[in-house]
């Protein structure tokens, strides 16, 4: 087996190819960072409609929480709005259920309710409603099953509503999708698009460190003293003749 000699020529060859590979990634970093900086931050955030989902609870008598049916131990109770309708959000080991806060009747979260909640955030016509068993890339910051409500607007917006609680989760549009694609290129997380602390980017970081180290080493191996002779040249003394 031929022994590998760690000569300057060996390091120069490896340095060249590693520099090419990392140089392409540096180019992607610069490109993706520039695109993300140029995109409209309000459209990226999904708040272009400028509408709020929160509504003040109406005044009046509310159903007694203690009188609610007790099928299982309740671990938490939240009084909140569902549009202009006050509801109790009851949490137990079996999940979450909604109860009308004025009548005590069970509230079923169906497609029409998902449409109503999503329409509070976007006034555009609804094109399609579907159910997701688990979050997709656009709603990856949330958990559980959810409704996806697609709108027929300029941004092709999609609203996500929790399947069990009918809570509005997030709104995404084409501008955000563009930003998310370049964010994926920027943080090199090609699967989940949310982490900048993963093995691939750590490997690239150590590759850049190795590239700078070998480049510093090759800097001294690429020059000799002869290349710097011009710095040591001295001017010849000028001889002046004095007048006789």
Protein backbone atom coordinates (compact mmCIF):
# COMPACT_ATOMS: atom_id res chain seq x y z
CA UNK A 1 0.00 0.00 0.00
CA UNK A 2 1.37 3.35 -1.03
CA UNK A 3 2.03 5.65 1.88
CA UNK A 4 0.40 9.06 1.80
CA UNK A 5 2.95 11.83 2.18
CA UNK A 6 1.75 14.98 3.86
CA UNK A 7 3.52 17.32 1.51
CA UNK A 8 2.52 20.86 0.52
CA UNK A 9 1.37 19.44 -2.83
CA UNK A 10 -0.98 17.03 -1.05
CA UNK A 11 -2.49 19.82 1.07
CA UNK A 12 -2.75 22.07 -1.99
CA UNK A 13 -4.80 19.48 -3.88
CA UNK A 14 -7.17 18.86 -0.97
CA UNK A 15 -7.38 22.59 -0.27
CA UNK A 16 -8.42 23.24 -3.89
CA UNK A 17 -11.38 20.83 -3.88
CA UNK A 18 -12.54 21.66 -0.37
CA UNK A 19 -12.38 25.33 -1.31
CA UNK A 20 -14.54 24.69 -4.37
CA UNK A 21 -17.20 22.80 -2.38
CA UNK A 22 -17.30 25.30 0.48
CA UNK A 23 -17.17 28.18 -1.98
CA UNK A 24 -20.45 27.02 -3.50
CA UNK A 25 -22.02 26.95 -0.04
CA UNK A 26 -20.67 30.42 0.74
CA UNK A 27 -22.30 31.59 -2.49
CA UNK A 28 -25.61 30.05 -1.40
CA UNK A 29 -25.31 31.76 1.98
CA UNK A 30 -24.78 35.13 0.34
CA UNK A 31 -27.60 34.58 -2.17
CA UNK A 32 -30.13 33.28 0.36
CA UNK A 33 -29.31 35.99 2.89
CA UNK A 34 -29.77 38.68 0.24
CA UNK A 35 -33.13 37.30 -0.92
CA UNK A 36 -34.46 36.99 2.64
CA UNK A 37 -33.43 40.55 3.39
CA UNK A 38 -35.20 41.86 0.27
CA UNK A 39 -38.56 40.14 0.90
CA UNK A 40 -41.39 42.10 2.54
CA UNK A 41 -41.28 41.25 6.25
CA UNK A 42 -45.06 41.66 6.73
CA UNK A 43 -45.86 39.23 3.93
CA UNK A 44 -43.24 36.82 5.20
CA UNK A 45 -44.81 36.96 8.66
CA UNK A 46 -48.22 36.13 7.23
CA UNK A 47 -49.88 39.23 8.66
CA UNK A 48 -50.77 40.97 5.41
CA UNK A 49 -54.48 41.05 6.20
CA UNK A 50 -53.98 43.13 9.31
CA UNK A 51 -56.89 41.38 11.04
CA UNK A 52 -56.99 40.14 14.60
CA UNK A 53 -58.45 36.85 15.78
CA UNK A 54 -59.01 37.96 19.39
CA UNK A 55 -62.45 39.31 20.34
CA UNK A 56 -63.69 40.67 23.67
CA UNK A 57 -65.96 38.31 25.57
CA UNK A 58 -69.58 39.48 25.75
CA UNK A 59 -71.02 40.52 29.09
CA UNK A 60 -73.74 38.43 30.74
CA UNK A 61 -74.28 35.23 32.69
CA UNK A 62 -72.02 32.24 32.00
CA UNK A 63 -72.70 28.57 32.53
CA UNK A 64 -71.42 27.24 35.85
CA UNK A 65 -68.24 25.25 35.25
CA UNK A 66 -69.05 22.97 38.21
CA UNK A 67 -72.28 21.91 36.50
CA UNK A 68 -70.54 20.65 33.36
CA UNK A 69 -70.68 16.87 32.70
CA UNK A 70 -67.75 15.06 34.31
CA UNK A 71 -66.88 12.16 32.07
CA UNK A 72 -63.23 12.26 33.12
CA UNK A 73 -61.02 14.33 35.43
CA UNK A 74 -60.44 17.81 34.02
CA UNK A 75 -56.87 19.07 34.25
CA UNK A 76 -57.49 22.57 32.95
CA UNK A 77 -60.26 25.01 32.07
CA UNK A 78 -59.85 28.10 29.87
CA UNK A 79 -62.56 30.64 29.12
CA UNK A 80 -61.89 32.11 25.68
CA UNK A 81 -63.58 33.43 22.58
CA UNK A 82 -64.43 31.46 19.49
CA UNK A 83 -65.08 34.38 17.21
CA UNK A 84 -67.73 36.34 19.11
CA UNK A 85 -68.82 33.21 20.99
CA UNK A 86 -67.51 32.49 24.50
CA UNK A 87 -66.46 28.88 25.09
CA UNK A 88 -64.86 26.78 27.80
CA UNK A 89 -61.81 24.82 26.68
CA UNK A 90 -61.67 21.73 28.89
CA UNK A 91 -58.48 19.70 28.98
CA UNK A 92 -58.26 16.14 30.27
CA UNK A 93 -56.18 13.02 29.79
CA UNK A 94 -58.35 12.12 26.79
CA UNK A 95 -57.76 15.41 25.00
CA UNK A 96 -59.55 18.74 24.59
CA UNK A 97 -63.25 19.51 24.23
CA UNK A 98 -65.09 22.77 23.77
CA UNK A 99 -68.24 23.72 25.65
CA UNK A 100 -70.45 26.73 25.02
CA UNK A 101 -69.85 29.07 27.96
CA UNK A 102 -73.45 30.34 27.97
CA UNK A 103 -75.43 27.11 27.49
CA UNK A 104 -73.08 24.32 28.51
CA UNK A 105 -73.61 22.55 25.18
CA UNK A 106 -70.76 20.64 23.59
CA UNK A 107 -69.20 22.49 20.63
CA UNK A 108 -68.14 20.39 17.66
CA UNK A 109 -65.26 21.75 15.58
CA UNK A 110 -66.30 21.04 12.00
CA UNK A 111 -65.29 22.35 8.57
CA UNK A 112 -67.68 25.29 8.74
CA UNK A 113 -66.18 26.41 12.04
CA UNK A 114 -62.68 26.14 10.56
CA UNK A 115 -63.86 28.32 7.67
CA UNK A 116 -65.30 30.89 10.06
CA UNK A 117 -62.12 31.09 12.13
CA UNK A 118 -59.88 31.34 9.07
CA UNK A 119 -62.11 34.02 7.52
CA UNK A 120 -61.45 36.24 10.52
CA UNK A 121 -57.83 36.44 9.33
CA UNK A 122 -58.42 36.76 5.59
CA UNK A 123 -61.38 38.24 3.73
CA UNK A 124 -60.52 36.53 0.42
CA UNK A 125 -62.76 33.73 -0.94
CA UNK A 126 -61.98 30.26 0.35
CA UNK A 127 -60.81 27.88 -2.37
CA UNK A 128 -60.34 24.63 -0.46
CA UNK A 129 -60.49 23.13 3.04
CA UNK A 130 -58.59 19.99 4.02
CA UNK A 131 -57.55 18.12 7.18
CA UNK A 132 -53.91 17.40 8.05
CA UNK A 133 -53.24 14.50 10.40
CA UNK A 134 -49.93 16.09 11.33
CA UNK A 135 -48.20 19.43 10.68
CA UNK A 136 -46.57 20.05 7.32
CA UNK A 137 -43.54 22.25 6.66
CA UNK A 138 -45.66 25.40 6.69
CA UNK A 139 -47.14 24.67 10.12
CA UNK A 140 -44.13 22.87 11.60
CA UNK A 141 -44.02 25.15 14.66
CA UNK A 142 -47.31 23.66 15.91
CA UNK A 143 -48.43 20.20 16.93
CA UNK A 144 -51.41 17.94 16.39
CA UNK A 145 -54.00 17.57 13.65
CA UNK A 146 -55.27 20.73 11.98
CA UNK A 147 -57.45 22.23 9.30
CA UNK A 148 -55.83 23.84 6.28
CA UNK A 149 -57.93 26.55 4.67
CA UNK A 150 -56.67 27.76 1.28
CA UNK A 151 -57.68 31.21 0.02
CA UNK A 152 -57.99 32.52 -3.54
CA UNK A 153 -55.92 35.65 -3.08
CA UNK A 154 -52.75 37.07 -4.66
CA UNK A 155 -50.55 35.34 -2.06
CA UNK A 156 -52.29 31.94 -2.33
CA UNK A 157 -52.60 32.16 1.43
CA UNK A 158 -53.26 29.15 3.64
CA UNK A 159 -54.61 29.42 7.18
CA UNK A 160 -54.07 26.65 9.72
CA UNK A 161 -56.65 26.02 12.44
CA UNK A 162 -56.31 23.47 15.26
CA UNK A 163 -58.61 20.50 14.67
CA UNK A 164 -59.65 20.06 18.32
CA UNK A 165 -59.66 23.62 19.71
CA UNK A 166 -60.43 25.69 16.57
CA UNK A 167 -57.59 28.01 17.51
CA UNK A 168 -56.03 29.95 14.68
CA UNK A 169 -52.40 28.81 14.36
CA UNK A 170 -50.68 30.58 11.49
CA UNK A 171 -51.14 32.06 8.01
CA UNK A 172 -48.71 31.31 5.19
CA UNK A 173 -48.43 32.78 1.70
CA UNK A 174 -46.21 32.60 -1.37
CA UNK A 175 -43.83 35.25 -0.04
CA UNK A 176 -43.28 33.20 3.12
CA UNK A 177 -42.83 30.05 1.03
CA UNK A 178 -40.12 31.79 -0.99
CA UNK A 179 -38.46 32.98 2.23
CA UNK A 180 -38.67 29.48 3.69
CA UNK A 181 -36.97 27.92 0.66
CA UNK A 182 -34.01 30.29 0.93
CA UNK A 183 -33.99 29.84 4.71
CA UNK A 184 -33.53 26.12 4.04
CA UNK A 185 -30.51 26.90 1.83
CA UNK A 186 -29.15 29.29 4.43
CA UNK A 187 -29.26 27.02 7.48
CA UNK A 188 -28.67 23.82 5.42
CA UNK A 189 -31.49 21.96 7.19
CA UNK A 190 -32.99 20.32 4.10
CA UNK A 191 -35.42 18.11 6.06
CA UNK A 192 -37.04 20.11 8.86
CA UNK A 193 -35.95 23.65 7.89
CA UNK A 194 -35.86 24.82 11.49
CA UNK A 195 -32.48 23.99 13.03
CA UNK A 196 -29.08 25.62 12.52
CA UNK A 197 -27.39 23.17 14.90
CA UNK A 198 -27.22 19.93 12.92
CA UNK A 199 -24.34 17.66 11.76
CA UNK A 200 -24.16 18.99 8.19
CA UNK A 201 -23.64 22.64 9.10
CA UNK A 202 -21.23 21.65 11.89
CA UNK A 203 -19.23 19.63 9.34
CA UNK A 204 -19.14 22.63 6.98
CA UNK A 205 -18.01 24.87 9.85
CA UNK A 206 -15.09 22.57 10.65
CA UNK A 207 -14.37 22.36 6.91
CA UNK A 208 -14.09 26.14 6.76
CA UNK A 209 -11.79 26.07 9.80
CA UNK A 210 -9.59 23.42 8.12
CA UNK A 211 -9.59 25.43 4.89
CA UNK A 212 -8.36 28.55 6.64
CA UNK A 213 -5.70 26.57 8.53
CA UNK A 214 -4.31 24.86 5.43
CA UNK A 215 -4.50 28.12 3.53
CA UNK A 216 -2.36 29.78 6.20
CA UNK A 217 0.10 26.85 6.01
CA UNK A 218 0.28 26.97 2.20
CA UNK A 219 0.84 30.70 2.32
CA UNK A 220 4.30 30.11 3.79
CA UNK A 221 4.99 27.16 1.47
CA UNK A 222 4.14 29.18 -1.65
CA UNK A 223 6.74 31.89 -1.11
CA UNK A 224 10.49 31.86 -0.69
CA UNK A 225 12.99 34.43 0.46
CA UNK A 226 13.82 35.19 -3.15
CA UNK A 227 10.31 36.54 -3.65
CA UNK A 228 10.99 39.26 -1.10
CA UNK A 229 14.43 40.39 -2.30
CA UNK A 230 12.95 43.60 -3.59
CA UNK A 231 12.19 44.59 0.00
CA UNK A 232 15.85 44.29 0.93
CA UNK A 233 17.23 46.25 -1.96
CA UNK A 234 19.04 49.38 -0.94
CA UNK A 235 19.54 52.44 -2.96
CA UNK A 236 23.06 53.06 -4.11
CA UNK A 237 24.64 56.06 -2.39
CA UNK A 238 24.66 59.14 -4.54
CA UNK A 239 28.19 60.58 -4.96
CA UNK A 240 28.31 64.34 -5.11
CA UNK A 241 31.39 66.26 -6.20
CA UNK A 242 32.36 69.29 -4.28
CA UNK A 243 33.43 72.43 -6.11
CA UNK A 244 37.21 72.93 -6.39
